[in-house]
N, C-alpha and C. Protein backbone atom coordinates (compact mmCIF):
# COMPACT_ATOMS: atom_id res chain seq x y z
N UNK A 1 121.50 91.57 99.15
CA UNK A 1 120.68 92.39 98.33
C UNK A 1 121.47 92.52 96.84
N UNK A 2 120.75 92.78 95.90
CA UNK A 2 121.54 93.04 94.42
C UNK A 2 121.09 94.49 94.31
N UNK A 3 121.85 94.75 93.24
CA UNK A 3 121.95 95.87 92.62
C UNK A 3 121.28 96.18 91.32
N UNK A 4 120.65 96.89 91.12
CA UNK A 4 120.19 96.78 89.40
C UNK A 4 120.05 98.42 88.85
N UNK A 5 119.83 98.35 87.85
CA UNK A 5 119.86 99.79 87.14
C UNK A 5 118.25 99.97 86.37
N UNK A 6 117.40 101.14 86.45
CA UNK A 6 116.40 101.39 85.62
C UNK A 6 116.34 102.58 85.14
N UNK A 7 115.71 102.73 84.02
CA UNK A 7 115.75 104.28 83.30
C UNK A 7 114.31 104.75 83.97
N UNK A 8 114.32 105.82 84.22
CA UNK A 8 112.92 106.64 84.73
C UNK A 8 113.07 107.96 83.94
N UNK A 9 111.79 108.43 83.62
CA UNK A 9 111.65 109.46 82.58
C UNK A 9 111.73 110.49 83.60
N UNK A 10 111.82 111.97 83.24
CA UNK A 10 112.16 113.26 83.82
C UNK A 10 111.27 113.22 85.01
N UNK A 11 109.97 113.25 84.57
CA UNK A 11 108.94 113.37 85.41
C UNK A 11 108.61 112.85 86.55
N UNK A 12 109.02 111.29 86.25
CA UNK A 12 109.01 110.29 87.30
C UNK A 12 109.96 110.44 88.41
N UNK A 13 111.32 110.59 87.74
CA UNK A 13 112.36 111.02 88.63
C UNK A 13 112.03 112.05 89.74
N UNK A 14 111.69 113.10 89.05
CA UNK A 14 111.59 114.53 89.87
C UNK A 14 110.35 114.24 91.07
N UNK A 15 109.53 113.51 90.65
CA UNK A 15 108.49 113.13 91.93
C UNK A 15 109.09 112.16 92.79
N UNK A 16 109.64 111.28 92.63
CA UNK A 16 110.21 110.30 93.32
C UNK A 16 111.14 111.06 94.28
N UNK A 17 112.10 112.06 93.58
CA UNK A 17 113.13 112.71 94.33
C UNK A 17 112.51 113.55 95.19
N UNK A 18 111.39 114.32 94.97
CA UNK A 18 110.94 115.19 95.91
C UNK A 18 110.09 114.42 96.86
N UNK A 19 109.63 113.21 96.74
CA UNK A 19 108.93 112.84 97.66
C UNK A 19 110.03 111.76 98.56
N UNK A 20 111.24 111.23 98.27
CA UNK A 20 112.27 111.00 99.15
C UNK A 20 112.67 112.16 100.04
N UNK A 21 112.87 113.10 98.99
CA UNK A 21 113.50 114.53 100.04
C UNK A 21 112.52 115.07 101.15
N UNK A 22 111.16 114.64 100.84
CA UNK A 22 110.30 115.14 102.13
C UNK A 22 109.94 114.26 103.09
N UNK A 23 109.98 113.09 102.41
CA UNK A 23 110.14 111.59 103.44
C UNK A 23 111.37 111.35 103.89
N UNK A 24 112.16 112.11 103.76
CA UNK A 24 113.98 111.55 104.42
C UNK A 24 114.02 110.46 104.42
N UNK A 25 114.24 110.10 103.08
CA UNK A 25 114.52 108.39 102.43
C UNK A 25 114.92 108.58 101.37
N UNK A 26 115.28 107.48 100.77
CA UNK A 26 115.77 107.60 99.06
C UNK A 26 114.92 107.02 98.06
N UNK A 27 115.42 107.40 97.21
CA UNK A 27 114.52 106.75 95.77
C UNK A 27 114.38 105.63 95.59
N UNK A 28 115.67 105.00 96.07
CA UNK A 28 115.98 103.46 96.19
C UNK A 28 114.77 102.55 96.98
N UNK A 29 114.78 103.42 98.26
CA UNK A 29 113.87 102.87 99.09
C UNK A 29 112.73 102.95 98.37
N UNK A 30 112.13 103.91 98.08
CA UNK A 30 110.58 104.22 97.56
C UNK A 30 110.34 103.16 96.44
N UNK A 31 111.19 102.84 95.97
CA UNK A 31 111.29 101.91 94.56
C UNK A 31 110.86 100.56 95.03
N UNK A 32 112.05 100.39 96.25
CA UNK A 32 111.59 98.96 96.70
C UNK A 32 110.38 98.91 97.59
N UNK A 33 109.83 99.75 98.20
CA UNK A 33 108.82 99.44 98.94
C UNK A 33 107.60 99.49 98.01
N UNK A 34 107.52 100.15 96.68
CA UNK A 34 106.64 100.03 95.53
C UNK A 34 106.51 98.73 95.35
N UNK A 35 107.93 98.22 94.82
CA UNK A 35 107.82 96.69 94.37
C UNK A 35 107.34 95.79 95.17
N UNK A 36 107.56 95.80 96.54
CA UNK A 36 107.24 95.00 97.45
C UNK A 36 105.41 95.18 97.59
N UNK A 37 104.97 96.36 97.57
CA UNK A 37 103.58 96.37 97.66
C UNK A 37 102.83 95.97 96.32
N UNK A 38 103.50 96.39 95.36
CA UNK A 38 102.69 95.63 93.97
C UNK A 38 102.77 94.38 94.00
N UNK A 39 104.11 93.57 94.17
CA UNK A 39 104.10 92.36 93.72
C UNK A 39 103.87 91.19 95.28
N UNK A 40 103.96 91.59 96.21
CA UNK A 40 104.06 90.89 97.56
C UNK A 40 103.06 91.32 98.56
N UNK A 41 102.58 92.41 98.40
CA UNK A 41 101.74 92.94 99.36
C UNK A 41 100.25 92.15 99.12
N UNK A 42 99.79 92.19 98.05
CA UNK A 42 98.33 91.57 97.96
C UNK A 42 98.65 89.92 98.25
N UNK A 43 99.69 89.53 97.78
CA UNK A 43 99.74 88.12 97.90
C UNK A 43 99.73 87.82 99.39
N UNK A 44 100.33 88.52 100.37
CA UNK A 44 100.39 88.43 101.78
C UNK A 44 99.04 88.35 102.30
N UNK A 45 98.19 89.36 101.71
CA UNK A 45 97.27 89.72 102.30
C UNK A 45 96.01 88.57 101.91
N UNK A 46 96.09 88.04 100.65
CA UNK A 46 95.38 87.26 99.99
C UNK A 46 95.57 85.80 100.95
N UNK A 47 96.79 85.46 101.32
CA UNK A 47 97.28 84.34 101.94
C UNK A 47 96.48 84.49 103.53
N UNK A 48 96.59 85.78 104.05
CA UNK A 48 96.06 85.38 105.43
C UNK A 48 94.63 85.76 105.06
N UNK A 49 93.90 86.19 104.48
CA UNK A 49 92.45 85.76 104.43
C UNK A 49 92.20 84.61 104.01
N UNK A 50 92.73 83.73 103.08
CA UNK A 50 92.40 82.51 103.31
C UNK A 50 92.86 81.67 104.42
N UNK A 51 93.69 82.03 105.19
CA UNK A 51 93.94 81.14 106.31
C UNK A 51 92.83 81.55 107.38
N UNK A 52 92.56 82.67 107.40
CA UNK A 52 91.20 83.20 108.41
C UNK A 52 90.14 82.53 107.98
N UNK A 53 89.81 82.20 106.52
CA UNK A 53 88.76 81.67 106.34
C UNK A 53 88.64 80.39 106.28
N UNK A 54 89.87 79.57 106.25
CA UNK A 54 89.62 78.18 106.09
C UNK A 54 89.63 77.87 107.97
N UNK A 55 89.93 78.39 108.93
CA UNK A 55 89.49 78.07 110.14
C UNK A 55 88.13 78.54 110.65
N UNK A 56 87.38 79.36 109.86
CA UNK A 56 86.35 79.81 110.20
C UNK A 56 85.23 78.85 110.30
N UNK A 57 85.29 77.66 109.80
CA UNK A 57 84.31 76.91 109.96
C UNK A 57 84.72 75.59 110.77
N UNK A 58 85.59 75.82 111.71
CA UNK A 58 86.14 74.99 112.97
C UNK A 58 84.95 74.73 113.88
N UNK A 59 84.58 73.61 114.25
CA UNK A 59 83.77 73.27 115.23
C UNK A 59 82.42 73.17 114.55
N UNK A 60 82.00 73.23 113.34
CA UNK A 60 80.81 73.15 112.81
C UNK A 60 80.60 71.48 112.38
N UNK A 61 79.35 71.02 112.81
CA UNK A 61 79.58 69.51 112.37
C UNK A 61 78.74 69.30 111.05
N UNK A 62 77.89 70.23 110.88
CA UNK A 62 77.32 70.04 109.43
C UNK A 62 78.25 70.09 108.20
N UNK A 63 77.83 69.37 107.03
CA UNK A 63 78.84 69.51 105.70
C UNK A 63 77.81 70.47 105.06
N UNK A 64 79.10 71.16 104.01
CA UNK A 64 78.18 71.76 103.43
C UNK A 64 78.34 71.58 101.74
N UNK A 65 77.23 71.22 101.24
CA UNK A 65 77.06 70.53 100.10
C UNK A 65 76.64 71.60 98.99
N UNK A 66 77.15 71.93 98.14
CA UNK A 66 77.14 73.19 97.27
C UNK A 66 76.10 72.92 96.42
N UNK A 67 76.19 71.73 95.57
CA UNK A 67 75.34 71.19 94.73
C UNK A 67 73.73 71.40 95.41
N UNK A 68 73.59 70.92 96.47
CA UNK A 68 72.41 70.73 97.19
C UNK A 68 71.77 72.21 97.35
N UNK A 69 73.05 73.13 98.18
CA UNK A 69 72.57 74.44 98.30
C UNK A 69 71.95 75.14 97.27
N UNK A 70 72.40 75.06 95.94
CA UNK A 70 72.08 75.69 94.72
C UNK A 70 70.76 75.03 94.50
N UNK A 71 70.50 73.77 94.60
CA UNK A 71 69.10 73.09 94.11
C UNK A 71 68.14 73.63 95.15
N UNK A 72 68.60 73.99 96.51
CA UNK A 72 67.60 74.65 97.19
C UNK A 72 67.17 76.00 96.94
N UNK A 73 68.07 76.51 96.34
CA UNK A 73 67.69 78.03 95.96
C UNK A 73 66.98 78.20 94.89
N UNK A 74 67.28 77.20 93.96
CA UNK A 74 66.53 76.90 92.71
C UNK A 74 64.80 76.23 92.85
N UNK A 75 64.66 75.95 93.93
CA UNK A 75 63.50 75.17 94.30
C UNK A 75 62.53 76.28 95.22
N UNK A 76 62.84 77.55 95.09
CA UNK A 76 62.46 78.62 95.43
C UNK A 76 60.73 78.85 95.16
N UNK A 77 59.98 79.56 95.89
CA UNK A 77 58.73 79.73 95.72
C UNK A 77 58.28 80.97 94.52
N UNK A 78 59.44 81.65 94.22
CA UNK A 78 59.27 82.56 93.42
C UNK A 78 58.56 82.68 92.03
N UNK A 79 58.90 81.71 91.42
CA UNK A 79 57.93 81.86 90.42
C UNK A 79 56.58 81.13 90.65
N UNK A 80 56.34 80.38 91.55
CA UNK A 80 54.79 80.05 92.06
C UNK A 80 54.14 81.61 92.08
N UNK A 81 54.95 82.28 93.10
CA UNK A 81 54.31 83.66 93.45
C UNK A 81 53.74 84.59 92.41
N UNK A 82 54.91 84.49 91.16
CA UNK A 82 54.73 85.13 89.92
C UNK A 82 53.36 84.81 89.24
N UNK A 83 53.32 83.37 89.20
CA UNK A 83 52.23 82.86 88.50
C UNK A 83 50.67 83.08 89.23
N UNK A 84 50.83 83.27 90.53
CA UNK A 84 49.73 83.34 91.34
C UNK A 84 49.02 85.04 90.98
N UNK A 85 49.93 85.65 90.48
CA UNK A 85 48.99 87.00 90.33
C UNK A 85 48.20 87.28 89.36
């Protein structure tokens, strides 16, 4: 673990100090927790979601061709229906 110093305005210090006291923890721990959440929390969640998604197509034999899928959407009969009215 490394030590660092940072400057906090009085309002932020008071809020952190009150929260630390009510949560029976330290201001330092609150700051570490906030940094972990901000800079690592989302990344871990994204990686977990990606790993779950990658495995979601296991066992499927058909290949998904994005170009053909978009073309099939464009071949919709919607325009024909609009012109027939």
